[in-house]
Amino acid sequence: MVLNAANPVRARVRHSAVIREENGLSTLTFHAMGTVCRISLEEPSRPAANAYLDQALNWVADFEAKYSRFLEASVISRINAAAGRDWTEVDEDTDRLLSLCGEMVFLTQGAFDPTALPLVRLWNWKANPPVVPDDATIGRARELVGWNKVQRRKGAVFL
């Protein structure tokens, strides 16, 4: 399912790509994951640089298609949609990514919190005028946040 979803993401990412070549240095700039990305490399040869940059664009687009919370078909969107109700099956790469998330929560003493979405959703930075949620709403969202609330078993996750 996610691989098919990658096609429009690949098209969008590739459409935004610009390569600049100067004095043996290639710089690829493109839009992905909600930001401007840049890859610079010293060219071993023009064909080798093109092949590498082509593979890099595909990898980033595929990563975004698989893990972006803004794409309905992504594994992250499926996990979030099942929160509080069902276990979500995940592949080995996602299992490793979730393990890395747990390590980052530990290393940052909770400053990095991949479960913060219920709080993030309270603030709509695009709203005009901006709306600040009240303390009760924030409190309810905070009850849903915390890595200790994530349940994992090999090949599956439950929020």
N, C-alpha and C. Protein backbone atom coordinates (compact mmCIF):
# COMPACT_ATOMS: atom_id res chain seq x y z
N MET A 1 0.83 -1.20 0.00
CA MET A 1 0.00 0.00 0.00
C MET A 1 0.86 1.25 0.00
N VAL A 2 1.87 1.31 0.85
CA VAL A 2 2.71 2.50 0.94
C VAL A 2 3.54 2.68 -0.33
N LEU A 3 3.98 1.57 -0.95
CA LEU A 3 4.78 1.70 -2.15
C LEU A 3 4.01 2.39 -3.27
N ASN A 4 2.71 2.08 -3.45
CA ASN A 4 1.89 2.77 -4.43
C ASN A 4 1.74 4.24 -4.08
N ALA A 5 1.65 4.53 -2.79
CA ALA A 5 1.51 5.92 -2.35
C ALA A 5 2.78 6.72 -2.65
N ALA A 6 3.91 6.03 -2.80
CA ALA A 6 5.17 6.73 -3.05
C ALA A 6 5.18 7.40 -4.42
N ASN A 7 4.44 6.87 -5.39
CA ASN A 7 4.51 7.43 -6.73
C ASN A 7 4.15 8.90 -6.80
N PRO A 8 3.03 9.36 -6.21
CA PRO A 8 2.76 10.80 -6.25
C PRO A 8 3.77 11.58 -5.41
N VAL A 9 4.27 10.99 -4.34
CA VAL A 9 5.27 11.67 -3.53
C VAL A 9 6.56 11.80 -4.34
N ARG A 10 6.97 10.71 -5.00
CA ARG A 10 8.16 10.78 -5.86
C ARG A 10 7.99 11.86 -6.92
N ALA A 11 6.82 11.92 -7.54
CA ALA A 11 6.60 12.91 -8.58
C ALA A 11 6.73 14.33 -8.01
N ARG A 12 6.13 14.56 -6.84
CA ARG A 12 6.21 15.89 -6.22
C ARG A 12 7.64 16.25 -5.86
N VAL A 13 8.35 15.31 -5.23
CA VAL A 13 9.73 15.56 -4.82
C VAL A 13 10.61 15.80 -6.06
N ARG A 14 10.46 14.95 -7.08
CA ARG A 14 11.27 15.10 -8.29
C ARG A 14 10.96 16.42 -9.01
N HIS A 15 9.69 16.81 -9.01
CA HIS A 15 9.31 18.07 -9.67
C HIS A 15 10.00 19.27 -9.01
N SER A 16 10.26 19.16 -7.72
CA SER A 16 10.89 20.28 -7.00
C SER A 16 12.41 20.27 -7.10
N ALA A 17 12.98 19.21 -7.64
CA ALA A 17 14.45 19.03 -7.62
C ALA A 17 15.17 19.95 -8.60
N VAL A 18 16.25 20.53 -8.10
CA VAL A 18 17.14 21.36 -8.92
C VAL A 18 18.57 20.94 -8.60
N ILE A 19 19.34 20.65 -9.66
CA ILE A 19 20.75 20.30 -9.49
C ILE A 19 21.59 21.46 -10.01
N ARG A 20 22.55 21.87 -9.20
CA ARG A 20 23.51 22.89 -9.61
C ARG A 20 24.89 22.23 -9.60
N GLU A 21 25.65 22.47 -10.64
CA GLU A 21 26.98 21.91 -10.76
C GLU A 21 27.98 23.05 -10.86
N GLU A 22 29.01 22.97 -10.02
CA GLU A 22 30.02 24.01 -10.06
C GLU A 22 31.34 23.45 -9.55
N ASN A 23 32.37 23.54 -10.37
CA ASN A 23 33.72 23.14 -10.00
C ASN A 23 33.78 21.73 -9.40
N GLY A 24 33.10 20.78 -10.03
CA GLY A 24 33.14 19.40 -9.55
C GLY A 24 32.26 19.11 -8.35
N LEU A 25 31.44 20.07 -7.95
CA LEU A 25 30.52 19.87 -6.82
C LEU A 25 29.09 19.91 -7.34
N SER A 26 28.32 18.89 -6.99
CA SER A 26 26.90 18.86 -7.34
C SER A 26 26.09 19.15 -6.10
N THR A 27 25.12 20.04 -6.23
CA THR A 27 24.21 20.33 -5.13
C THR A 27 22.79 20.12 -5.63
N LEU A 28 22.10 19.20 -4.98
CA LEU A 28 20.71 18.90 -5.29
C LEU A 28 19.85 19.53 -4.21
N THR A 29 18.90 20.35 -4.59
CA THR A 29 17.96 20.97 -3.67
C THR A 29 16.56 20.51 -4.07
N PHE A 30 15.75 20.13 -3.07
CA PHE A 30 14.40 19.65 -3.35
C PHE A 30 13.54 19.83 -2.10
N HIS A 31 12.23 19.73 -2.28
CA HIS A 31 11.28 19.85 -1.18
C HIS A 31 10.77 18.46 -0.80
N ALA A 32 10.89 18.13 0.48
CA ALA A 32 10.37 16.86 0.99
C ALA A 32 10.17 17.01 2.49
N MET A 33 9.23 16.26 3.02
CA MET A 33 8.98 16.21 4.46
C MET A 33 8.74 17.60 5.06
N GLY A 34 8.13 18.46 4.27
CA GLY A 34 7.76 19.78 4.76
C GLY A 34 8.91 20.76 4.88
N THR A 35 10.02 20.48 4.21
CA THR A 35 11.15 21.38 4.32
C THR A 35 11.96 21.37 3.02
N VAL A 36 12.94 22.24 2.93
CA VAL A 36 13.86 22.24 1.81
C VAL A 36 15.03 21.35 2.18
N CYS A 37 15.32 20.39 1.33
CA CYS A 37 16.43 19.46 1.56
C CYS A 37 17.55 19.80 0.58
N ARG A 38 18.77 19.51 1.00
CA ARG A 38 19.92 19.80 0.15
C ARG A 38 20.95 18.68 0.33
N ILE A 39 21.43 18.18 -0.78
CA ILE A 39 22.50 17.19 -0.79
C ILE A 39 23.61 17.76 -1.66
N SER A 40 24.81 17.84 -1.11
CA SER A 40 25.97 18.29 -1.88
C SER A 40 26.99 17.17 -1.91
N LEU A 41 27.59 16.96 -3.07
CA LEU A 41 28.62 15.93 -3.16
C LEU A 41 29.67 16.31 -4.18
N GLU A 42 30.87 15.86 -3.92
CA GLU A 42 31.94 16.03 -4.87
C GLU A 42 31.77 14.95 -5.91
N GLU A 43 31.76 15.35 -7.16
CA GLU A 43 31.47 14.41 -8.23
C GLU A 43 32.65 13.50 -8.52
N PRO A 44 32.46 12.18 -8.38
CA PRO A 44 33.50 11.28 -8.88
C PRO A 44 33.47 11.28 -10.41
N SER A 45 32.24 11.40 -10.95
CA SER A 45 31.99 11.59 -12.38
C SER A 45 30.55 12.06 -12.50
N ARG A 46 30.22 12.70 -13.60
CA ARG A 46 28.85 13.19 -13.78
C ARG A 46 27.85 12.03 -13.76
N PRO A 47 28.08 10.93 -14.47
CA PRO A 47 27.11 9.82 -14.42
C PRO A 47 26.97 9.22 -13.01
N ALA A 48 28.08 9.10 -12.29
CA ALA A 48 28.01 8.55 -10.92
C ALA A 48 27.25 9.49 -10.00
N ALA A 49 27.48 10.79 -10.13
CA ALA A 49 26.76 11.78 -9.30
C ALA A 49 25.27 11.73 -9.63
N ASN A 50 24.92 11.68 -10.91
CA ASN A 50 23.51 11.63 -11.30
C ASN A 50 22.83 10.37 -10.74
N ALA A 51 23.51 9.24 -10.81
CA ALA A 51 22.93 7.99 -10.30
C ALA A 51 22.72 8.07 -8.80
N TYR A 52 23.69 8.61 -8.08
CA TYR A 52 23.57 8.73 -6.63
C TYR A 52 22.42 9.68 -6.26
N LEU A 53 22.37 10.83 -6.89
CA LEU A 53 21.33 11.81 -6.58
C LEU A 53 19.94 11.27 -6.94
N ASP A 54 19.86 10.51 -8.02
CA ASP A 54 18.59 9.89 -8.40
C ASP A 54 18.14 8.91 -7.32
N GLN A 55 19.03 8.07 -6.84
CA GLN A 55 18.69 7.12 -5.78
C GLN A 55 18.34 7.85 -4.48
N ALA A 56 19.05 8.92 -4.18
CA ALA A 56 18.77 9.69 -2.95
C ALA A 56 17.37 10.30 -3.01
N LEU A 57 16.99 10.86 -4.16
CA LEU A 57 15.64 11.42 -4.30
C LEU A 57 14.58 10.35 -4.08
N ASN A 58 14.78 9.19 -4.69
CA ASN A 58 13.81 8.11 -4.52
C ASN A 58 13.72 7.67 -3.06
N TRP A 59 14.87 7.55 -2.38
CA TRP A 59 14.86 7.10 -0.99
C TRP A 59 14.11 8.09 -0.11
N VAL A 60 14.39 9.37 -0.26
CA VAL A 60 13.73 10.38 0.57
C VAL A 60 12.23 10.40 0.29
N ALA A 61 11.85 10.34 -0.98
CA ALA A 61 10.42 10.34 -1.32
C ALA A 61 9.73 9.10 -0.76
N ASP A 62 10.37 7.95 -0.85
CA ASP A 62 9.79 6.73 -0.31
C ASP A 62 9.68 6.80 1.21
N PHE A 63 10.69 7.37 1.87
CA PHE A 63 10.66 7.54 3.33
C PHE A 63 9.48 8.44 3.72
N GLU A 64 9.32 9.55 3.00
CA GLU A 64 8.21 10.46 3.30
C GLU A 64 6.87 9.75 3.08
N ALA A 65 6.73 9.01 1.99
CA ALA A 65 5.47 8.31 1.72
C ALA A 65 5.16 7.30 2.82
N LYS A 66 6.17 6.69 3.35
CA LYS A 66 5.97 5.65 4.37
C LYS A 66 5.73 6.23 5.76
N TYR A 67 6.39 7.33 6.11
CA TYR A 67 6.39 7.79 7.49
C TYR A 67 5.75 9.15 7.75
N SER A 68 5.32 9.87 6.74
CA SER A 68 4.74 11.19 6.99
C SER A 68 3.37 11.08 7.65
N ARG A 69 3.16 11.81 8.71
CA ARG A 69 1.84 11.81 9.36
C ARG A 69 0.82 12.58 8.53
N PHE A 70 1.28 13.29 7.52
CA PHE A 70 0.38 14.08 6.68
C PHE A 70 -0.16 13.29 5.49
N LEU A 71 0.32 12.06 5.30
CA LEU A 71 -0.14 11.23 4.19
C LEU A 71 -0.97 10.08 4.74
N GLU A 72 -2.20 10.01 4.30
CA GLU A 72 -3.17 9.06 4.85
C GLU A 72 -2.72 7.60 4.75
N ALA A 73 -2.00 7.25 3.70
CA ALA A 73 -1.59 5.86 3.49
C ALA A 73 -0.32 5.48 4.25
N SER A 74 0.30 6.42 4.93
CA SER A 74 1.57 6.12 5.61
C SER A 74 1.35 5.24 6.83
N VAL A 75 2.39 4.53 7.20
CA VAL A 75 2.32 3.67 8.39
C VAL A 75 2.06 4.52 9.63
N ILE A 76 2.61 5.71 9.70
CA ILE A 76 2.40 6.58 10.86
C ILE A 76 0.93 7.00 10.94
N SER A 77 0.32 7.31 9.81
CA SER A 77 -1.11 7.66 9.83
C SER A 77 -1.95 6.46 10.23
N ARG A 78 -1.58 5.26 9.79
CA ARG A 78 -2.31 4.06 10.19
C ARG A 78 -2.17 3.81 11.70
N ILE A 79 -0.97 4.01 12.23
CA ILE A 79 -0.76 3.84 13.68
C ILE A 79 -1.61 4.85 14.44
N ASN A 80 -1.57 6.11 14.01
CA ASN A 80 -2.35 7.15 14.69
C ASN A 80 -3.85 6.90 14.59
N ALA A 81 -4.32 6.42 13.44
CA ALA A 81 -5.75 6.15 13.27
C ALA A 81 -6.22 5.02 14.17
N ALA A 82 -5.34 4.09 14.47
CA ALA A 82 -5.70 2.94 15.32
C ALA A 82 -5.48 3.20 16.81
N ALA A 83 -4.96 4.38 17.14
CA ALA A 83 -4.61 4.69 18.53
C ALA A 83 -5.77 4.44 19.48
N GLY A 84 -5.46 3.71 20.55
CA GLY A 84 -6.45 3.43 21.57
C GLY A 84 -7.42 2.32 21.22
N ARG A 85 -7.34 1.77 20.01
CA ARG A 85 -8.30 0.74 19.58
C ARG A 85 -7.64 -0.57 19.17
N ASP A 86 -6.63 -0.48 18.29
CA ASP A 86 -6.08 -1.69 17.67
C ASP A 86 -4.56 -1.64 17.60
N TRP A 87 -3.97 -2.84 17.60
CA TRP A 87 -2.55 -2.97 17.29
C TRP A 87 -2.39 -2.72 15.80
N THR A 88 -1.26 -2.12 15.42
CA THR A 88 -0.94 -1.90 14.01
C THR A 88 0.28 -2.72 13.65
N GLU A 89 0.15 -3.54 12.63
CA GLU A 89 1.27 -4.34 12.14
C GLU A 89 2.28 -3.40 11.50
N VAL A 90 3.58 -3.64 11.77
CA VAL A 90 4.65 -2.83 11.18
C VAL A 90 5.74 -3.76 10.65
N ASP A 91 6.48 -3.27 9.68
CA ASP A 91 7.57 -4.06 9.11
C ASP A 91 8.84 -3.88 9.95
N GLU A 92 9.88 -4.59 9.57
CA GLU A 92 11.13 -4.58 10.32
C GLU A 92 11.76 -3.18 10.37
N ASP A 93 11.70 -2.45 9.27
CA ASP A 93 12.27 -1.09 9.26
C ASP A 93 11.53 -0.18 10.24
N THR A 94 10.22 -0.28 10.27
CA THR A 94 9.44 0.54 11.20
C THR A 94 9.71 0.11 12.64
N ASP A 95 9.87 -1.17 12.87
CA ASP A 95 10.25 -1.66 14.20
C ASP A 95 11.56 -1.01 14.65
N ARG A 96 12.53 -0.98 13.74
CA ARG A 96 13.83 -0.36 14.08
C ARG A 96 13.68 1.14 14.32
N LEU A 97 12.86 1.79 13.51
CA LEU A 97 12.64 3.23 13.69
C LEU A 97 11.98 3.51 15.04
N LEU A 98 11.02 2.68 15.43
CA LEU A 98 10.38 2.85 16.74
C LEU A 98 11.38 2.60 17.88
N SER A 99 12.28 1.64 17.70
CA SER A 99 13.33 1.42 18.70
C SER A 99 14.22 2.65 18.82
N LEU A 100 14.56 3.24 17.68
CA LEU A 100 15.37 4.46 17.69
C LEU A 100 14.62 5.59 18.40
N CYS A 101 13.32 5.68 18.18
CA CYS A 101 12.52 6.70 18.88
C CYS A 101 12.63 6.52 20.39
N GLY A 102 12.52 5.27 20.85
CA GLY A 102 12.65 5.01 22.29
C GLY A 102 14.01 5.42 22.82
N GLU A 103 15.05 5.15 22.05
CA GLU A 103 16.40 5.56 22.46
C GLU A 103 16.52 7.07 22.52
N MET A 104 15.93 7.77 21.55
CA MET A 104 16.01 9.23 21.53
C MET A 104 15.22 9.84 22.68
N VAL A 105 14.09 9.24 23.04
CA VAL A 105 13.33 9.70 24.21
C VAL A 105 14.22 9.60 25.44
N PHE A 106 14.91 8.47 25.59
CA PHE A 106 15.79 8.26 26.74
C PHE A 106 16.96 9.24 26.72
N LEU A 107 17.64 9.35 25.57
CA LEU A 107 18.83 10.21 25.49
C LEU A 107 18.51 11.69 25.70
N THR A 108 17.31 12.12 25.28
CA THR A 108 16.93 13.53 25.44
C THR A 108 16.14 13.77 26.72
N GLN A 109 16.01 12.73 27.52
CA GLN A 109 15.23 12.80 28.77
C GLN A 109 13.81 13.30 28.51
N GLY A 110 13.24 12.84 27.38
CA GLY A 110 11.87 13.16 27.06
C GLY A 110 11.67 14.43 26.24
N ALA A 111 12.75 15.18 25.95
CA ALA A 111 12.59 16.39 25.13
C ALA A 111 12.12 16.02 23.73
N PHE A 112 12.62 14.89 23.21
CA PHE A 112 12.11 14.34 21.96
C PHE A 112 10.99 13.38 22.34
N ASP A 113 9.79 13.65 21.87
CA ASP A 113 8.66 12.80 22.22
C ASP A 113 7.82 12.53 20.98
N PRO A 114 7.98 11.35 20.38
CA PRO A 114 7.22 11.04 19.17
C PRO A 114 5.73 10.84 19.41
N THR A 115 5.28 10.90 20.66
CA THR A 115 3.86 10.74 20.95
C THR A 115 3.16 12.08 21.13
N ALA A 116 3.81 13.17 20.82
CA ALA A 116 3.28 14.51 21.10
C ALA A 116 2.15 14.96 20.19
N LEU A 117 1.75 14.16 19.21
CA LEU A 117 0.73 14.60 18.25
C LEU A 117 -0.55 15.13 18.89
N PRO A 118 -1.09 14.50 19.94
CA PRO A 118 -2.31 15.08 20.53
C PRO A 118 -2.13 16.53 20.99
N LEU A 119 -0.95 16.88 21.43
CA LEU A 119 -0.67 18.27 21.80
C LEU A 119 -0.43 19.14 20.57
N VAL A 120 0.33 18.62 19.62
CA VAL A 120 0.64 19.37 18.40
C VAL A 120 -0.65 19.79 17.68
N ARG A 121 -1.62 18.88 17.65
CA ARG A 121 -2.88 19.17 16.95
C ARG A 121 -3.69 20.30 17.58
N LEU A 122 -3.40 20.64 18.83
CA LEU A 122 -4.16 21.72 19.49
C LEU A 122 -3.82 23.10 18.94
N TRP A 123 -2.63 23.24 18.42
CA TRP A 123 -2.19 24.54 17.90
C TRP A 123 -2.20 24.51 16.39
N ASN A 124 -3.07 25.31 15.78
CA ASN A 124 -3.13 25.41 14.34
C ASN A 124 -2.44 26.71 13.95
N TRP A 125 -1.19 26.60 13.54
CA TRP A 125 -0.41 27.80 13.24
C TRP A 125 -0.90 28.49 11.97
N LYS A 126 -1.79 27.83 11.23
CA LYS A 126 -2.34 28.46 10.03
C LYS A 126 -3.64 29.21 10.31
N ALA A 127 -4.22 29.03 11.49
CA ALA A 127 -5.49 29.68 11.82
C ALA A 127 -5.32 31.19 11.87
N ASN A 128 -6.34 31.88 11.43
CA ASN A 128 -6.32 33.33 11.47
C ASN A 128 -7.67 33.81 11.99
N PRO A 129 -7.78 34.28 13.22
CA PRO A 129 -6.69 34.47 14.17
C PRO A 129 -6.32 33.15 14.86
N PRO A 130 -5.09 33.09 15.37
CA PRO A 130 -4.67 31.88 16.08
C PRO A 130 -5.52 31.66 17.33
N VAL A 131 -5.74 30.39 17.66
CA VAL A 131 -6.53 30.05 18.83
C VAL A 131 -5.63 29.31 19.82
N VAL A 132 -5.61 29.79 21.05
CA VAL A 132 -4.83 29.12 22.10
C VAL A 132 -5.78 28.22 22.87
N PRO A 133 -5.46 26.92 22.95
CA PRO A 133 -6.36 26.01 23.67
C PRO A 133 -6.39 26.32 25.17
N ASP A 134 -7.51 26.00 25.80
CA ASP A 134 -7.60 26.25 27.25
C ASP A 134 -6.89 25.14 28.03
N ASP A 135 -6.69 25.38 29.31
CA ASP A 135 -5.93 24.46 30.16
C ASP A 135 -6.55 23.06 30.21
N ALA A 136 -7.88 22.97 30.24
CA ALA A 136 -8.55 21.67 30.30
C ALA A 136 -8.29 20.86 29.03
N THR A 137 -8.35 21.52 27.89
CA THR A 137 -8.09 20.84 26.61
C THR A 137 -6.65 20.36 26.55
N ILE A 138 -5.73 21.20 27.00
CA ILE A 138 -4.32 20.82 27.03
C ILE A 138 -4.13 19.64 27.98
N GLY A 139 -4.77 19.67 29.12
CA GLY A 139 -4.66 18.58 30.10
C GLY A 139 -5.14 17.26 29.54
N ARG A 140 -6.27 17.27 28.80
CA ARG A 140 -6.78 16.03 28.20
C ARG A 140 -5.81 15.48 27.16
N ALA A 141 -5.22 16.37 26.39
CA ALA A 141 -4.25 15.93 25.37
C ALA A 141 -2.99 15.37 26.03
N ARG A 142 -2.55 15.99 27.11
CA ARG A 142 -1.33 15.52 27.81
C ARG A 142 -1.51 14.11 28.36
N GLU A 143 -2.74 13.73 28.69
CA GLU A 143 -2.98 12.38 29.19
C GLU A 143 -2.70 11.32 28.13
N LEU A 144 -2.72 11.70 26.86
CA LEU A 144 -2.49 10.77 25.76
C LEU A 144 -1.01 10.70 25.34
N VAL A 145 -0.20 11.59 25.88
CA VAL A 145 1.18 11.74 25.46
C VAL A 145 2.12 11.02 26.42
N GLY A 146 3.18 10.44 25.88
CA GLY A 146 4.22 9.82 26.69
C GLY A 146 4.66 8.50 26.09
N TRP A 147 5.95 8.35 25.89
CA TRP A 147 6.49 7.14 25.28
C TRP A 147 6.17 5.90 26.12
N ASN A 148 6.02 6.08 27.42
CA ASN A 148 5.69 4.95 28.29
C ASN A 148 4.30 4.38 27.99
N LYS A 149 3.48 5.10 27.24
CA LYS A 149 2.15 4.63 26.87
C LYS A 149 2.17 3.81 25.57
N VAL A 150 3.28 3.79 24.89
CA VAL A 150 3.40 3.04 23.64
C VAL A 150 3.68 1.58 23.98
N GLN A 151 2.86 0.70 23.45
CA GLN A 151 3.08 -0.73 23.63
C GLN A 151 3.64 -1.30 22.33
N ARG A 152 4.67 -2.14 22.47
CA ARG A 152 5.28 -2.71 21.28
C ARG A 152 5.51 -4.20 21.48
N ARG A 153 5.40 -4.90 20.39
CA ARG A 153 5.84 -6.28 20.30
C ARG A 153 6.41 -6.42 18.89
N LYS A 154 7.18 -7.45 18.68
CA LYS A 154 7.83 -7.61 17.37
C LYS A 154 6.77 -7.56 16.27
N GLY A 155 6.94 -6.60 15.37
CA GLY A 155 6.04 -6.48 14.23
C GLY A 155 4.74 -5.76 14.47
N ALA A 156 4.57 -5.14 15.65
CA ALA A 156 3.32 -4.44 15.91
C ALA A 156 3.50 -3.37 16.97
N VAL A 157 2.62 -2.35 16.93
CA VAL A 157 2.65 -1.26 17.90
C VAL A 157 1.21 -0.91 18.26
N PHE A 158 1.02 -0.46 19.52
CA PHE A 158 -0.29 -0.03 19.99
C PHE A 158 -0.12 1.27 20.75
N LEU A 159 -0.84 2.29 20.31
CA LEU A 159 -0.82 3.57 21.04
C LEU A 159 -2.02 3.61 21.96
